[in-house]
Amino acid sequence: MPSPRMSSPTTTGVAASQRCRRIRAGSGCLILAGGRRGNALRAFADGLVPAEVADRLAITPKTVDTHKTAILAECRIAWNLPEDERLGYHWMREKFGRYFDSPGG
């Protein structure tokens, strides 16, 4: 029997899923971002605050904020979280810290 066809990618959630590899993790999905955004996610997961992330990655605080905003938007979609739920870098540490072996490595 043929598998059902998926609808075409028209929403931000579908576009986000095409940019990321998702692994089932508890009640939601762990989003593994690549490149600089993935490095920012790892730094937040290590428990760094935005200024420390900027220092570690040698980028501006504004760029860190851009990465943080994009990561949290994808998390909001993956976990189907309401728009009014407050998310921040502490939330990333709580959700993603256990998925990385050690700080910075």
N, C-alpha and C. Protein backbone atom coordinates (compact mmCIF):
# COMPACT_ATOMS: atom_id res chain seq x y z
N MET A 1 0.85 -1.17 0.00
CA MET A 1 0.00 0.00 0.00
C MET A 1 0.89 1.24 0.00
N PRO A 2 0.65 2.23 -0.88
CA PRO A 2 1.49 3.42 -0.94
C PRO A 2 1.31 4.27 0.30
N SER A 3 2.37 4.96 0.68
CA SER A 3 2.29 5.85 1.84
C SER A 3 1.58 7.13 1.45
N PRO A 4 0.87 7.76 2.40
CA PRO A 4 0.15 9.00 2.09
C PRO A 4 1.14 10.12 1.78
N ARG A 5 0.74 10.99 0.88
CA ARG A 5 1.59 12.13 0.52
C ARG A 5 1.44 13.24 1.55
N MET A 6 2.54 13.90 1.81
CA MET A 6 2.53 15.04 2.72
C MET A 6 2.13 16.27 1.92
N SER A 7 1.49 17.22 2.57
CA SER A 7 1.14 18.45 1.88
C SER A 7 2.40 19.26 1.61
N SER A 8 2.31 20.18 0.68
CA SER A 8 3.48 20.98 0.32
C SER A 8 3.88 21.91 1.45
N PRO A 9 5.19 22.24 1.56
CA PRO A 9 5.66 23.09 2.66
C PRO A 9 5.20 24.53 2.46
N THR A 10 4.23 24.94 3.26
CA THR A 10 3.72 26.30 3.14
C THR A 10 3.78 27.07 4.44
N THR A 11 4.05 26.38 5.55
CA THR A 11 4.06 27.06 6.84
C THR A 11 5.47 27.18 7.37
N THR A 12 5.64 28.07 8.32
CA THR A 12 6.94 28.24 8.96
C THR A 12 7.39 26.95 9.62
N GLY A 13 6.46 26.21 10.23
CA GLY A 13 6.80 24.96 10.90
C GLY A 13 7.39 23.94 9.95
N VAL A 14 6.80 23.81 8.79
CA VAL A 14 7.32 22.87 7.81
C VAL A 14 8.68 23.33 7.30
N ALA A 15 8.81 24.63 7.03
CA ALA A 15 10.10 25.17 6.58
C ALA A 15 11.17 24.94 7.64
N ALA A 16 10.80 25.14 8.90
CA ALA A 16 11.76 24.92 9.98
C ALA A 16 12.17 23.45 10.03
N SER A 17 11.21 22.55 9.82
CA SER A 17 11.55 21.13 9.89
C SER A 17 12.46 20.73 8.74
N GLN A 18 12.39 21.44 7.63
CA GLN A 18 13.27 21.13 6.51
C GLN A 18 14.69 21.60 6.78
N ARG A 19 14.86 22.61 7.64
CA ARG A 19 16.19 23.12 7.97
C ARG A 19 16.83 22.34 9.12
N CYS A 20 16.06 21.53 9.79
CA CYS A 20 16.54 20.86 11.00
C CYS A 20 16.31 19.37 10.91
N ARG A 21 17.08 18.65 11.68
CA ARG A 21 16.85 17.24 11.89
C ARG A 21 16.17 17.14 13.25
N ARG A 22 15.05 16.46 13.32
CA ARG A 22 14.34 16.37 14.58
C ARG A 22 14.44 14.95 15.13
N ILE A 23 14.69 14.85 16.40
CA ILE A 23 14.79 13.57 17.07
C ILE A 23 13.73 13.57 18.17
N ARG A 24 12.94 12.53 18.25
CA ARG A 24 11.93 12.44 19.29
C ARG A 24 12.61 12.48 20.66
N ALA A 25 12.15 13.34 21.50
CA ALA A 25 12.75 13.47 22.83
C ALA A 25 11.64 13.79 23.83
N GLY A 26 11.14 12.80 24.48
CA GLY A 26 10.07 13.01 25.45
C GLY A 26 8.81 13.48 24.77
N SER A 27 8.25 14.56 25.26
CA SER A 27 6.97 15.04 24.75
C SER A 27 7.13 15.95 23.53
N GLY A 28 8.34 16.28 23.17
CA GLY A 28 8.53 17.18 22.04
C GLY A 28 9.61 16.68 21.13
N CYS A 29 10.25 17.58 20.45
CA CYS A 29 11.33 17.24 19.54
C CYS A 29 12.57 18.01 19.93
N LEU A 30 13.69 17.37 19.80
CA LEU A 30 14.96 18.06 19.97
C LEU A 30 15.34 18.57 18.59
N ILE A 31 15.55 19.85 18.48
CA ILE A 31 15.91 20.43 17.20
C ILE A 31 17.42 20.57 17.16
N LEU A 32 18.04 19.93 16.20
CA LEU A 32 19.48 20.01 16.06
C LEU A 32 19.81 20.97 14.92
N ALA A 33 20.08 22.18 15.27
CA ALA A 33 20.42 23.19 14.27
C ALA A 33 21.89 23.04 13.91
N GLY A 34 22.23 23.39 12.70
CA GLY A 34 23.62 23.30 12.27
C GLY A 34 24.26 24.68 12.20
N GLY A 35 25.52 24.69 11.90
CA GLY A 35 26.25 25.94 11.68
C GLY A 35 26.31 26.83 12.90
N ARG A 36 26.33 28.12 12.66
CA ARG A 36 26.47 29.09 13.76
C ARG A 36 25.28 29.05 14.71
N ARG A 37 24.08 28.82 14.18
CA ARG A 37 22.91 28.73 15.06
C ARG A 37 23.05 27.52 15.98
N GLY A 38 23.55 26.42 15.47
CA GLY A 38 23.78 25.24 16.30
C GLY A 38 24.83 25.50 17.37
N ASN A 39 25.86 26.26 17.01
CA ASN A 39 26.88 26.64 17.99
C ASN A 39 26.28 27.50 19.09
N ALA A 40 25.38 28.40 18.72
CA ALA A 40 24.72 29.24 19.72
C ALA A 40 23.84 28.38 20.64
N LEU A 41 23.11 27.44 20.05
CA LEU A 41 22.27 26.55 20.86
C LEU A 41 23.12 25.76 21.84
N ARG A 42 24.23 25.23 21.37
CA ARG A 42 25.12 24.48 22.25
C ARG A 42 25.65 25.37 23.39
N ALA A 43 26.01 26.60 23.08
CA ALA A 43 26.51 27.52 24.12
C ALA A 43 25.43 27.81 25.15
N PHE A 44 24.19 28.04 24.70
CA PHE A 44 23.10 28.25 25.66
C PHE A 44 22.86 26.98 26.47
N ALA A 45 22.93 25.82 25.82
CA ALA A 45 22.75 24.54 26.52
C ALA A 45 23.84 24.33 27.57
N ASP A 46 25.02 24.88 27.31
CA ASP A 46 26.12 24.80 28.27
C ASP A 46 25.91 25.72 29.47
N GLY A 47 24.86 26.55 29.40
CA GLY A 47 24.54 27.44 30.52
C GLY A 47 25.06 28.85 30.39
N LEU A 48 25.57 29.21 29.22
CA LEU A 48 26.09 30.56 29.04
C LEU A 48 24.96 31.58 28.88
N VAL A 49 25.22 32.80 29.32
CA VAL A 49 24.30 33.91 29.09
C VAL A 49 24.66 34.54 27.74
N PRO A 50 23.76 35.35 27.15
CA PRO A 50 24.01 35.89 25.82
C PRO A 50 25.37 36.57 25.63
N ALA A 51 25.83 37.36 26.58
CA ALA A 51 27.13 38.03 26.43
C ALA A 51 28.27 37.01 26.34
N GLU A 52 28.16 35.93 27.11
CA GLU A 52 29.18 34.87 27.08
C GLU A 52 29.13 34.10 25.76
N VAL A 53 27.91 33.91 25.23
CA VAL A 53 27.76 33.25 23.94
C VAL A 53 28.45 34.09 22.87
N ALA A 54 28.23 35.39 22.90
CA ALA A 54 28.86 36.30 21.93
C ALA A 54 30.38 36.20 22.02
N ASP A 55 30.90 36.18 23.23
CA ASP A 55 32.36 36.07 23.41
C ASP A 55 32.87 34.73 22.88
N ARG A 56 32.20 33.64 23.24
CA ARG A 56 32.64 32.31 22.83
C ARG A 56 32.66 32.18 21.30
N LEU A 57 31.62 32.71 20.65
CA LEU A 57 31.50 32.55 19.20
C LEU A 57 32.10 33.70 18.40
N ALA A 58 32.62 34.70 19.11
CA ALA A 58 33.20 35.89 18.46
C ALA A 58 32.20 36.53 17.50
N ILE A 59 30.97 36.75 18.01
CA ILE A 59 29.93 37.43 17.25
C ILE A 59 29.34 38.53 18.12
N THR A 60 28.53 39.38 17.53
CA THR A 60 27.95 40.48 18.29
C THR A 60 26.77 39.99 19.14
N PRO A 61 26.47 40.71 20.22
CA PRO A 61 25.29 40.36 21.01
C PRO A 61 24.00 40.39 20.17
N LYS A 62 23.92 41.29 19.21
CA LYS A 62 22.75 41.35 18.33
C LYS A 62 22.61 40.05 17.53
N THR A 63 23.72 39.51 17.04
CA THR A 63 23.68 38.25 16.30
C THR A 63 23.26 37.11 17.21
N VAL A 64 23.74 37.11 18.45
CA VAL A 64 23.33 36.11 19.43
C VAL A 64 21.81 36.19 19.63
N ASP A 65 21.30 37.41 19.77
CA ASP A 65 19.86 37.60 19.95
C ASP A 65 19.08 37.07 18.75
N THR A 66 19.60 37.29 17.55
CA THR A 66 18.96 36.79 16.33
C THR A 66 18.91 35.27 16.34
N HIS A 67 20.03 34.64 16.69
CA HIS A 67 20.07 33.17 16.78
C HIS A 67 19.09 32.67 17.84
N LYS A 68 19.10 33.32 19.01
CA LYS A 68 18.23 32.91 20.11
C LYS A 68 16.76 33.00 19.69
N THR A 69 16.39 34.08 19.04
CA THR A 69 15.02 34.27 18.59
C THR A 69 14.61 33.18 17.60
N ALA A 70 15.49 32.86 16.66
CA ALA A 70 15.19 31.83 15.65
C ALA A 70 15.07 30.45 16.29
N ILE A 71 15.98 30.13 17.20
CA ILE A 71 15.94 28.83 17.88
C ILE A 71 14.65 28.69 18.68
N LEU A 72 14.30 29.73 19.44
CA LEU A 72 13.10 29.66 20.25
C LEU A 72 11.84 29.59 19.40
N ALA A 73 11.84 30.24 18.24
CA ALA A 73 10.69 30.15 17.33
C ALA A 73 10.51 28.72 16.84
N GLU A 74 11.61 28.06 16.50
CA GLU A 74 11.53 26.67 16.06
C GLU A 74 11.12 25.75 17.20
N CYS A 75 11.59 26.02 18.41
CA CYS A 75 11.18 25.23 19.57
C CYS A 75 9.69 25.40 19.83
N ARG A 76 9.21 26.62 19.71
CA ARG A 76 7.79 26.90 19.93
C ARG A 76 6.93 26.06 18.97
N ILE A 77 7.39 25.95 17.72
CA ILE A 77 6.68 25.15 16.72
C ILE A 77 6.79 23.66 17.06
N ALA A 78 8.00 23.20 17.35
CA ALA A 78 8.23 21.78 17.61
C ALA A 78 7.44 21.28 18.81
N TRP A 79 7.38 22.08 19.88
CA TRP A 79 6.68 21.68 21.09
C TRP A 79 5.24 22.19 21.11
N ASN A 80 4.82 22.89 20.06
CA ASN A 80 3.47 23.44 19.97
C ASN A 80 3.15 24.29 21.21
N LEU A 81 4.06 25.20 21.54
CA LEU A 81 3.92 26.05 22.72
C LEU A 81 3.13 27.31 22.37
N PRO A 82 2.31 27.79 23.30
CA PRO A 82 1.55 29.01 23.04
C PRO A 82 2.46 30.22 22.92
N GLU A 83 2.02 31.17 22.12
CA GLU A 83 2.81 32.39 21.88
C GLU A 83 3.07 33.18 23.16
N ASP A 84 2.17 33.09 24.13
CA ASP A 84 2.35 33.88 25.35
C ASP A 84 3.22 33.19 26.40
N GLU A 85 3.67 31.96 26.12
CA GLU A 85 4.58 31.29 27.06
C GLU A 85 5.97 31.89 26.93
N ARG A 86 6.53 32.30 28.06
CA ARG A 86 7.83 32.97 28.06
C ARG A 86 8.94 31.95 27.88
N LEU A 87 9.75 32.18 26.85
CA LEU A 87 10.92 31.33 26.58
C LEU A 87 12.15 32.22 26.56
N GLY A 88 13.26 31.70 27.00
CA GLY A 88 14.51 32.46 26.98
C GLY A 88 15.69 31.51 27.02
N TYR A 89 16.86 32.08 27.22
CA TYR A 89 18.06 31.25 27.19
C TYR A 89 18.09 30.25 28.35
N HIS A 90 17.47 30.57 29.48
CA HIS A 90 17.40 29.61 30.59
C HIS A 90 16.58 28.38 30.18
N TRP A 91 15.53 28.61 29.41
CA TRP A 91 14.68 27.53 28.92
C TRP A 91 15.50 26.60 28.02
N MET A 92 16.37 27.18 27.16
CA MET A 92 17.20 26.36 26.29
C MET A 92 18.15 25.50 27.10
N ARG A 93 18.71 26.03 28.17
CA ARG A 93 19.60 25.25 29.03
C ARG A 93 18.85 24.07 29.62
N GLU A 94 17.65 24.33 30.11
CA GLU A 94 16.83 23.28 30.73
C GLU A 94 16.47 22.19 29.72
N LYS A 95 16.09 22.58 28.52
CA LYS A 95 15.62 21.61 27.52
C LYS A 95 16.73 20.90 26.77
N PHE A 96 17.86 21.57 26.53
CA PHE A 96 18.88 21.03 25.65
C PHE A 96 20.18 20.65 26.34
N GLY A 97 20.39 21.08 27.59
CA GLY A 97 21.64 20.83 28.28
C GLY A 97 22.02 19.36 28.34
N ARG A 98 21.06 18.50 28.55
CA ARG A 98 21.36 17.07 28.70
C ARG A 98 21.73 16.38 27.39
N TYR A 99 21.54 17.05 26.26
CA TYR A 99 21.83 16.43 24.96
C TYR A 99 23.25 16.65 24.48
N PHE A 100 24.02 17.41 25.21
CA PHE A 100 25.40 17.67 24.83
C PHE A 100 26.32 17.06 25.89
N ASP A 101 27.42 16.49 25.43
CA ASP A 101 28.34 15.75 26.31
C ASP A 101 28.95 16.60 27.40
N SER A 102 29.58 17.71 27.02
CA SER A 102 30.26 18.54 27.99
C SER A 102 30.31 19.96 27.49
N PRO A 103 30.50 20.94 28.38
CA PRO A 103 30.56 22.33 27.94
C PRO A 103 31.63 22.53 26.88
N GLY A 104 31.20 23.16 25.80
CA GLY A 104 32.12 23.54 24.73
C GLY A 104 32.64 22.40 23.90
N GLY A 105 32.38 21.16 24.24
CA GLY A 105 32.98 20.05 23.53
C GLY A 105 32.08 19.11 22.86
